[in-house]
N, C-alpha and C. Protein backbone atom coordinates (compact mmCIF):
# COMPACT_ATOMS: atom_id res chain seq x y z
N MET A 1 -14.90 -0.68 -13.21
CA MET A 1 -16.04 -1.17 -13.95
C MET A 1 -15.97 -0.64 -15.37
N LYS A 2 -16.54 -1.38 -16.29
CA LYS A 2 -16.45 -1.01 -17.70
C LYS A 2 -17.17 0.30 -18.02
N ASP A 3 -18.28 0.58 -17.33
CA ASP A 3 -19.03 1.79 -17.64
C ASP A 3 -18.45 3.04 -16.98
N GLY A 4 -17.36 2.90 -16.24
CA GLY A 4 -16.70 4.04 -15.61
C GLY A 4 -17.26 4.42 -14.26
N SER A 5 -18.31 3.73 -13.82
CA SER A 5 -18.86 4.05 -12.50
C SER A 5 -18.01 3.42 -11.42
N ALA A 6 -18.14 3.94 -10.22
CA ALA A 6 -17.37 3.42 -9.09
C ALA A 6 -17.88 2.04 -8.71
N PRO A 7 -16.99 1.16 -8.24
CA PRO A 7 -17.45 -0.16 -7.81
C PRO A 7 -18.38 -0.04 -6.61
N ARG A 8 -19.36 -0.91 -6.53
CA ARG A 8 -20.28 -0.90 -5.40
C ARG A 8 -19.57 -1.45 -4.18
N ARG A 9 -19.80 -0.82 -3.05
CA ARG A 9 -19.20 -1.25 -1.80
C ARG A 9 -20.15 -2.19 -1.09
N THR A 10 -19.59 -3.22 -0.51
CA THR A 10 -20.41 -4.15 0.25
C THR A 10 -20.26 -3.85 1.73
N GLU A 11 -21.22 -4.29 2.51
CA GLU A 11 -21.19 -4.09 3.95
C GLU A 11 -19.90 -4.65 4.55
N GLN A 12 -19.42 -5.77 4.01
CA GLN A 12 -18.25 -6.43 4.59
C GLN A 12 -16.97 -5.60 4.47
N ASP A 13 -16.85 -4.78 3.43
CA ASP A 13 -15.60 -4.04 3.28
C ASP A 13 -15.65 -2.64 3.89
N GLN A 14 -16.76 -2.27 4.50
CA GLN A 14 -16.89 -0.95 5.12
C GLN A 14 -16.33 -0.96 6.55
N LEU A 15 -15.72 0.14 6.92
CA LEU A 15 -15.19 0.32 8.27
C LEU A 15 -16.04 1.33 9.02
N PHE A 16 -16.29 1.04 10.29
CA PHE A 16 -17.05 1.93 11.15
C PHE A 16 -16.17 2.34 12.32
N PHE A 17 -16.67 3.26 13.13
CA PHE A 17 -15.91 3.81 14.25
C PHE A 17 -15.24 2.71 15.06
N GLU A 18 -16.01 1.69 15.44
CA GLU A 18 -15.46 0.67 16.34
C GLU A 18 -14.49 -0.29 15.66
N ASP A 19 -14.35 -0.22 14.35
CA ASP A 19 -13.39 -1.06 13.63
C ASP A 19 -11.98 -0.47 13.65
N LEU A 20 -11.87 0.80 13.98
CA LEU A 20 -10.56 1.46 13.98
C LEU A 20 -9.86 1.25 15.32
N GLU A 21 -8.54 1.23 15.28
CA GLU A 21 -7.73 1.07 16.49
C GLU A 21 -6.62 2.10 16.47
N VAL A 22 -6.30 2.62 17.65
CA VAL A 22 -5.19 3.57 17.76
C VAL A 22 -3.93 2.89 17.21
N GLY A 23 -3.21 3.62 16.38
CA GLY A 23 -1.99 3.10 15.77
C GLY A 23 -2.17 2.58 14.36
N MET A 24 -3.42 2.35 13.93
CA MET A 24 -3.64 1.91 12.55
C MET A 24 -3.10 2.97 11.60
N ARG A 25 -2.44 2.53 10.52
CA ARG A 25 -1.86 3.46 9.54
C ARG A 25 -2.29 3.08 8.14
N VAL A 26 -2.41 4.11 7.32
CA VAL A 26 -2.66 3.90 5.90
C VAL A 26 -1.91 4.99 5.14
N SER A 27 -1.25 4.58 4.07
CA SER A 27 -0.55 5.53 3.21
C SER A 27 -1.37 5.76 1.96
N GLY A 28 -1.34 6.99 1.49
CA GLY A 28 -2.03 7.34 0.26
C GLY A 28 -1.15 7.10 -0.95
N ARG A 29 -1.62 7.57 -2.07
CA ARG A 29 -0.88 7.42 -3.32
C ARG A 29 0.18 8.52 -3.45
N GLU A 30 1.33 8.14 -3.96
CA GLU A 30 2.37 9.13 -4.25
C GLU A 30 1.91 9.99 -5.42
N ARG A 31 2.20 11.26 -5.32
CA ARG A 31 1.86 12.18 -6.40
C ARG A 31 3.04 13.10 -6.66
N GLN A 32 3.39 13.22 -7.94
CA GLN A 32 4.42 14.18 -8.32
C GLN A 32 3.73 15.50 -8.66
N LEU A 33 4.15 16.57 -8.00
CA LEU A 33 3.55 17.87 -8.21
C LEU A 33 4.22 18.57 -9.39
N MET A 34 3.38 19.07 -10.28
CA MET A 34 3.87 19.74 -11.48
C MET A 34 3.41 21.19 -11.48
N GLN A 35 4.01 22.00 -12.33
CA GLN A 35 3.66 23.41 -12.41
C GLN A 35 2.17 23.57 -12.70
N GLY A 36 1.60 22.70 -13.50
CA GLY A 36 0.18 22.77 -13.81
C GLY A 36 -0.69 22.60 -12.57
N ASP A 37 -0.23 21.80 -11.60
CA ASP A 37 -0.98 21.65 -10.34
C ASP A 37 -1.01 22.97 -9.59
N PHE A 38 0.13 23.65 -9.54
CA PHE A 38 0.20 24.94 -8.85
C PHE A 38 -0.72 25.95 -9.54
N GLN A 39 -0.67 25.97 -10.88
CA GLN A 39 -1.48 26.92 -11.64
C GLN A 39 -2.97 26.63 -11.49
N ALA A 40 -3.34 25.35 -11.54
CA ALA A 40 -4.76 24.99 -11.40
C ALA A 40 -5.27 25.36 -10.01
N PHE A 41 -4.46 25.12 -8.98
CA PHE A 41 -4.88 25.47 -7.62
C PHE A 41 -5.03 26.98 -7.49
N SER A 42 -4.11 27.72 -8.07
CA SER A 42 -4.18 29.18 -8.05
C SER A 42 -5.45 29.67 -8.74
N ALA A 43 -5.77 29.08 -9.89
CA ALA A 43 -6.97 29.48 -10.62
C ALA A 43 -8.24 29.13 -9.83
N LEU A 44 -8.24 27.98 -9.19
CA LEU A 44 -9.41 27.54 -8.42
C LEU A 44 -9.65 28.43 -7.21
N THR A 45 -8.59 28.77 -6.49
CA THR A 45 -8.74 29.48 -5.22
C THR A 45 -8.60 30.99 -5.34
N GLY A 46 -7.98 31.45 -6.39
CA GLY A 46 -7.72 32.88 -6.52
C GLY A 46 -6.43 33.32 -5.84
N ASP A 47 -5.69 32.37 -5.26
CA ASP A 47 -4.41 32.69 -4.62
C ASP A 47 -3.37 32.84 -5.73
N ALA A 48 -3.14 34.07 -6.13
CA ALA A 48 -2.26 34.33 -7.27
C ALA A 48 -0.91 34.91 -6.84
N HIS A 49 -0.46 34.56 -5.64
CA HIS A 49 0.85 35.06 -5.20
C HIS A 49 1.91 34.49 -6.13
N PRO A 50 2.80 35.33 -6.65
CA PRO A 50 3.79 34.87 -7.64
C PRO A 50 4.78 33.84 -7.12
N ILE A 51 4.88 33.66 -5.82
CA ILE A 51 5.82 32.66 -5.30
C ILE A 51 5.43 31.24 -5.74
N HIS A 52 4.18 31.08 -6.16
CA HIS A 52 3.69 29.76 -6.55
C HIS A 52 3.83 29.47 -8.05
N TYR A 53 4.05 30.50 -8.87
CA TYR A 53 4.07 30.24 -10.31
C TYR A 53 5.10 31.05 -11.10
N ASP A 54 5.67 32.08 -10.53
CA ASP A 54 6.60 32.95 -11.25
C ASP A 54 8.04 32.63 -10.84
N GLU A 55 8.74 31.89 -11.70
CA GLU A 55 10.10 31.45 -11.38
C GLU A 55 11.04 32.63 -11.10
N ALA A 56 10.92 33.71 -11.86
CA ALA A 56 11.80 34.86 -11.65
C ALA A 56 11.55 35.47 -10.27
N TYR A 57 10.31 35.62 -9.91
CA TYR A 57 9.98 36.16 -8.59
C TYR A 57 10.46 35.21 -7.49
N ALA A 58 10.11 33.94 -7.64
CA ALA A 58 10.44 32.94 -6.61
C ALA A 58 11.95 32.80 -6.42
N SER A 59 12.72 33.00 -7.49
CA SER A 59 14.18 32.86 -7.38
C SER A 59 14.78 33.92 -6.46
N GLN A 60 14.07 35.01 -6.23
CA GLN A 60 14.56 36.08 -5.36
C GLN A 60 14.14 35.90 -3.90
N THR A 61 13.39 34.83 -3.60
CA THR A 61 12.93 34.58 -2.23
C THR A 61 13.89 33.62 -1.53
N SER A 62 13.66 33.41 -0.26
CA SER A 62 14.51 32.48 0.50
C SER A 62 14.36 31.04 0.01
N PHE A 63 13.28 30.73 -0.71
CA PHE A 63 13.08 29.38 -1.23
C PHE A 63 13.88 29.16 -2.51
N GLY A 64 14.10 30.21 -3.28
CA GLY A 64 14.89 30.12 -4.51
C GLY A 64 14.13 29.60 -5.71
N ARG A 65 12.93 29.13 -5.51
CA ARG A 65 12.11 28.63 -6.62
C ARG A 65 10.65 28.55 -6.17
N CYS A 66 9.78 28.22 -7.10
CA CYS A 66 8.34 28.19 -6.79
C CYS A 66 8.03 27.12 -5.74
N VAL A 67 7.15 27.47 -4.81
CA VAL A 67 6.74 26.55 -3.75
C VAL A 67 5.24 26.29 -3.85
N ALA A 68 4.85 25.11 -3.39
CA ALA A 68 3.44 24.71 -3.40
C ALA A 68 2.64 25.54 -2.40
N HIS A 69 1.38 25.76 -2.72
CA HIS A 69 0.44 26.38 -1.78
C HIS A 69 0.25 25.44 -0.59
N GLY A 70 0.23 25.98 0.61
CA GLY A 70 0.00 25.16 1.79
C GLY A 70 -1.33 24.44 1.74
N LEU A 71 -2.37 25.12 1.27
CA LEU A 71 -3.69 24.47 1.21
C LEU A 71 -3.76 23.40 0.12
N LEU A 72 -2.94 23.51 -0.92
CA LEU A 72 -2.86 22.43 -1.90
C LEU A 72 -2.32 21.18 -1.21
N LEU A 73 -1.29 21.35 -0.40
CA LEU A 73 -0.71 20.21 0.32
C LEU A 73 -1.71 19.64 1.32
N THR A 74 -2.45 20.51 2.00
CA THR A 74 -3.47 20.05 2.94
C THR A 74 -4.51 19.21 2.22
N GLY A 75 -4.92 19.65 1.04
CA GLY A 75 -5.89 18.88 0.26
C GLY A 75 -5.36 17.52 -0.16
N LEU A 76 -4.09 17.46 -0.53
CA LEU A 76 -3.50 16.18 -0.92
C LEU A 76 -3.40 15.22 0.25
N ALA A 77 -3.41 15.77 1.47
CA ALA A 77 -3.32 14.94 2.67
C ALA A 77 -4.69 14.55 3.22
N ALA A 78 -5.76 14.94 2.55
CA ALA A 78 -7.11 14.64 3.04
C ALA A 78 -7.36 13.13 3.04
N LEU A 79 -8.07 12.67 4.04
CA LEU A 79 -8.42 11.25 4.14
C LEU A 79 -9.21 10.81 2.91
N GLY A 80 -10.04 11.69 2.38
CA GLY A 80 -10.84 11.37 1.19
C GLY A 80 -10.00 11.06 -0.03
N ALA A 81 -8.75 11.49 -0.03
CA ALA A 81 -7.84 11.23 -1.15
C ALA A 81 -7.02 9.96 -0.93
N SER A 82 -7.31 9.23 0.14
CA SER A 82 -6.52 8.03 0.45
C SER A 82 -7.28 6.76 0.07
N PRO A 83 -6.57 5.65 -0.04
CA PRO A 83 -7.21 4.38 -0.40
C PRO A 83 -8.28 3.93 0.59
N ILE A 84 -8.18 4.34 1.85
CA ILE A 84 -9.16 3.90 2.85
C ILE A 84 -10.50 4.61 2.68
N SER A 85 -10.52 5.70 1.96
CA SER A 85 -11.74 6.50 1.80
C SER A 85 -12.93 5.66 1.34
N GLY A 86 -12.72 4.79 0.39
CA GLY A 86 -13.81 3.95 -0.12
C GLY A 86 -14.39 3.01 0.91
N ARG A 87 -13.61 2.72 1.93
CA ARG A 87 -14.10 1.83 3.00
C ARG A 87 -14.82 2.59 4.10
N LEU A 88 -14.92 3.91 3.95
CA LEU A 88 -15.59 4.74 4.95
C LEU A 88 -16.89 5.37 4.42
N HIS A 89 -17.31 4.99 3.23
CA HIS A 89 -18.51 5.59 2.65
C HIS A 89 -19.73 5.45 3.55
N ALA A 90 -19.91 4.30 4.15
CA ALA A 90 -21.10 4.06 4.97
C ALA A 90 -21.00 4.72 6.34
N SER A 91 -19.81 5.07 6.77
CA SER A 91 -19.65 5.59 8.13
C SER A 91 -19.31 7.08 8.21
N MET A 92 -18.83 7.67 7.14
CA MET A 92 -18.39 9.06 7.20
C MET A 92 -19.57 10.00 7.44
N VAL A 93 -19.46 10.79 8.50
CA VAL A 93 -20.47 11.80 8.80
C VAL A 93 -19.94 13.17 8.40
N ALA A 94 -18.75 13.53 8.91
CA ALA A 94 -18.22 14.86 8.63
C ALA A 94 -16.74 14.95 8.95
N PHE A 95 -16.08 15.84 8.24
CA PHE A 95 -14.72 16.27 8.52
C PHE A 95 -14.89 17.53 9.36
N VAL A 96 -14.45 17.50 10.63
CA VAL A 96 -14.82 18.59 11.54
C VAL A 96 -13.67 19.48 12.00
N TRP A 97 -12.42 19.06 11.81
CA TRP A 97 -11.31 19.88 12.29
C TRP A 97 -10.04 19.46 11.59
N GLN A 98 -9.17 20.43 11.34
CA GLN A 98 -7.86 20.10 10.80
C GLN A 98 -6.86 21.15 11.23
N GLU A 99 -5.64 20.70 11.33
CA GLU A 99 -4.53 21.60 11.65
C GLU A 99 -3.30 21.03 10.96
N MET A 100 -2.55 21.89 10.28
CA MET A 100 -1.34 21.44 9.59
C MET A 100 -0.20 22.41 9.88
N ARG A 101 1.00 21.85 10.00
CA ARG A 101 2.23 22.63 10.09
C ARG A 101 3.06 22.28 8.86
N PHE A 102 3.62 23.29 8.25
CA PHE A 102 4.43 23.09 7.06
C PHE A 102 5.90 23.19 7.47
N LEU A 103 6.58 22.06 7.43
CA LEU A 103 7.94 21.95 7.97
C LEU A 103 9.02 22.26 6.95
N LYS A 104 8.76 21.90 5.69
CA LYS A 104 9.74 22.12 4.62
C LYS A 104 8.96 22.50 3.37
N PRO A 105 9.56 23.30 2.50
CA PRO A 105 8.86 23.67 1.27
C PRO A 105 8.74 22.47 0.32
N VAL A 106 7.72 22.54 -0.51
CA VAL A 106 7.50 21.53 -1.54
C VAL A 106 7.57 22.26 -2.88
N PHE A 107 8.36 21.70 -3.80
CA PHE A 107 8.66 22.36 -5.06
C PHE A 107 8.07 21.59 -6.25
N ILE A 108 8.04 22.25 -7.39
CA ILE A 108 7.64 21.60 -8.64
C ILE A 108 8.54 20.40 -8.86
N GLY A 109 7.94 19.26 -9.17
CA GLY A 109 8.68 18.03 -9.40
C GLY A 109 8.80 17.14 -8.19
N ASP A 110 8.53 17.67 -7.00
CA ASP A 110 8.59 16.84 -5.79
C ASP A 110 7.51 15.77 -5.81
N ARG A 111 7.82 14.65 -5.17
CA ARG A 111 6.86 13.54 -5.04
C ARG A 111 6.45 13.45 -3.58
N VAL A 112 5.14 13.56 -3.34
CA VAL A 112 4.63 13.54 -1.97
C VAL A 112 3.67 12.38 -1.77
N THR A 113 3.69 11.84 -0.57
CA THR A 113 2.81 10.72 -0.19
C THR A 113 2.21 11.02 1.18
N PRO A 114 0.88 11.01 1.28
CA PRO A 114 0.26 11.22 2.59
C PRO A 114 0.20 9.94 3.40
N GLU A 115 0.25 10.09 4.71
CA GLU A 115 0.11 8.97 5.64
C GLU A 115 -0.86 9.41 6.73
N HIS A 116 -1.78 8.50 7.09
CA HIS A 116 -2.75 8.76 8.16
C HIS A 116 -2.59 7.70 9.23
N GLU A 117 -2.56 8.14 10.47
CA GLU A 117 -2.45 7.22 11.60
C GLU A 117 -3.55 7.56 12.61
N VAL A 118 -4.31 6.54 13.02
CA VAL A 118 -5.34 6.78 14.03
C VAL A 118 -4.65 7.14 15.33
N HIS A 119 -4.92 8.32 15.83
CA HIS A 119 -4.30 8.83 17.05
C HIS A 119 -5.20 8.63 18.26
N SER A 120 -6.50 8.91 18.08
CA SER A 120 -7.42 8.77 19.21
C SER A 120 -8.83 8.51 18.72
N LEU A 121 -9.59 7.84 19.58
CA LEU A 121 -10.99 7.50 19.32
C LEU A 121 -11.81 7.98 20.51
N HIS A 122 -12.80 8.80 20.25
CA HIS A 122 -13.64 9.33 21.33
C HIS A 122 -15.09 8.93 21.09
N GLU A 123 -15.58 8.04 21.95
CA GLU A 123 -16.99 7.68 21.88
C GLU A 123 -17.81 8.90 22.27
N MET A 124 -18.93 9.07 21.61
CA MET A 124 -19.82 10.18 21.92
C MET A 124 -21.13 9.57 22.39
N HIS A 125 -21.21 9.30 23.69
CA HIS A 125 -22.35 8.59 24.28
C HIS A 125 -23.66 9.27 23.91
N GLY A 126 -24.61 8.44 23.51
CA GLY A 126 -25.91 8.95 23.10
C GLY A 126 -25.95 9.40 21.65
N LYS A 127 -24.82 9.32 20.96
CA LYS A 127 -24.75 9.73 19.55
C LYS A 127 -24.49 8.49 18.69
N PRO A 128 -24.94 8.52 17.44
CA PRO A 128 -24.73 7.38 16.55
C PRO A 128 -23.35 7.37 15.89
N HIS A 129 -22.43 8.17 16.42
CA HIS A 129 -21.10 8.27 15.83
C HIS A 129 -20.07 8.58 16.91
N GLY A 130 -18.80 8.45 16.53
CA GLY A 130 -17.69 8.81 17.40
C GLY A 130 -16.75 9.74 16.65
N ARG A 131 -15.82 10.33 17.39
CA ARG A 131 -14.85 11.26 16.80
C ARG A 131 -13.49 10.57 16.72
N VAL A 132 -12.90 10.61 15.54
CA VAL A 132 -11.60 9.99 15.29
C VAL A 132 -10.60 11.08 14.92
N ARG A 133 -9.45 11.05 15.59
CA ARG A 133 -8.37 11.96 15.21
C ARG A 133 -7.29 11.15 14.51
N PHE A 134 -6.96 11.60 13.30
CA PHE A 134 -5.87 11.02 12.53
C PHE A 134 -4.69 11.98 12.57
N ILE A 135 -3.51 11.46 12.87
CA ILE A 135 -2.28 12.23 12.66
C ILE A 135 -2.00 12.11 11.17
N VAL A 136 -1.71 13.22 10.54
CA VAL A 136 -1.49 13.27 9.10
C VAL A 136 -0.06 13.73 8.86
N ARG A 137 0.64 12.98 8.02
CA ARG A 137 2.00 13.37 7.63
C ARG A 137 2.07 13.34 6.11
N LEU A 138 2.73 14.33 5.56
CA LEU A 138 2.97 14.36 4.12
C LEU A 138 4.47 14.18 3.93
N HIS A 139 4.84 13.08 3.29
CA HIS A 139 6.24 12.74 3.07
C HIS A 139 6.65 13.15 1.66
N GLU A 140 7.83 13.74 1.55
CA GLU A 140 8.42 14.02 0.25
C GLU A 140 9.50 12.98 0.04
N GLN A 141 9.55 12.44 -1.15
CA GLN A 141 10.41 11.30 -1.47
C GLN A 141 11.85 11.47 -0.98
N ALA A 142 12.45 12.62 -1.18
CA ALA A 142 13.87 12.79 -0.85
C ALA A 142 14.12 13.48 0.49
N ARG A 143 13.12 14.25 0.99
CA ARG A 143 13.38 15.09 2.16
C ARG A 143 12.56 14.72 3.39
N GLY A 144 11.86 13.62 3.36
CA GLY A 144 11.12 13.19 4.55
C GLY A 144 9.82 13.95 4.76
N ILE A 145 9.45 14.14 6.01
CA ILE A 145 8.17 14.77 6.34
C ILE A 145 8.25 16.27 6.05
N VAL A 146 7.34 16.74 5.19
CA VAL A 146 7.31 18.16 4.82
C VAL A 146 6.13 18.89 5.46
N ALA A 147 5.12 18.14 5.90
CA ALA A 147 3.97 18.74 6.59
C ALA A 147 3.38 17.69 7.52
N GLU A 148 2.84 18.16 8.63
CA GLU A 148 2.19 17.23 9.55
C GLU A 148 1.12 17.97 10.33
N GLY A 149 0.17 17.22 10.81
CA GLY A 149 -0.90 17.81 11.59
C GLY A 149 -1.91 16.75 11.97
N HIS A 150 -3.15 17.17 12.10
CA HIS A 150 -4.20 16.20 12.41
C HIS A 150 -5.50 16.59 11.73
N HIS A 151 -6.30 15.60 11.49
CA HIS A 151 -7.66 15.75 10.95
C HIS A 151 -8.59 15.00 11.88
N ASP A 152 -9.72 15.61 12.19
CA ASP A 152 -10.74 14.96 13.01
C ASP A 152 -11.99 14.72 12.17
N TYR A 153 -12.54 13.52 12.30
CA TYR A 153 -13.73 13.12 11.56
C TYR A 153 -14.76 12.54 12.52
N LEU A 154 -16.02 12.67 12.16
CA LEU A 154 -17.08 11.94 12.84
C LEU A 154 -17.40 10.74 11.98
N LEU A 155 -17.33 9.54 12.58
CA LEU A 155 -17.64 8.30 11.88
C LEU A 155 -18.77 7.59 12.62
N ARG A 156 -19.73 7.07 11.84
CA ARG A 156 -20.84 6.33 12.44
C ARG A 156 -20.34 5.04 13.09
N THR A 157 -21.06 4.66 14.14
CA THR A 157 -20.86 3.34 14.72
C THR A 157 -21.70 2.36 13.91
N ARG A 158 -21.45 1.08 14.07
CA ARG A 158 -22.26 0.09 13.36
C ARG A 158 -23.73 0.22 13.76
N VAL A 159 -23.99 0.42 15.05
CA VAL A 159 -25.37 0.59 15.51
C VAL A 159 -25.97 1.86 14.91
N GLY A 160 -25.19 2.94 14.90
CA GLY A 160 -25.66 4.21 14.35
C GLY A 160 -25.95 4.15 12.86
N ALA A 161 -25.26 3.26 12.18
CA ALA A 161 -25.46 3.10 10.74
C ALA A 161 -26.51 2.05 10.43
N GLY A 162 -26.99 1.38 11.46
CA GLY A 162 -27.97 0.32 11.24
C GLY A 162 -27.34 -0.92 10.66
N ALA A 163 -26.03 -1.05 10.85
CA ALA A 163 -25.31 -2.20 10.27
C ALA A 163 -25.38 -3.40 11.19
């Protein structure tokens, strides 16, 4: 929009619990990680371990160079950072659980892309929402999957949302 505000979402483009199916996948936007990203995350969180920003220190580790913070990667893999997020505004109740495994290091200059796949849907009888588990994978352009895990969300049903 010209004024910089977010586009208004219509009822038709919103997704609710019962609209999701096991196996549905959505990929997020590719992002190239830069040294400034590592520094900003360190400043925000207070995690000032030199392995994330000091090339001389990092060169003496088994990684040989600076590596991304695990929680920075977890944040980049959040469903809220994906294109589907805008279609869940009317149904999102809460992000309730997450677990990630870091399989390979991510370095300055790497390009990562998150992928979310609906793994399971659990109706919560008597509740206006259900629980959805997404398998989350973070792909690095040249080295494949560098992190994987799952995120659980509570999403409203159409009845629960009054839709």
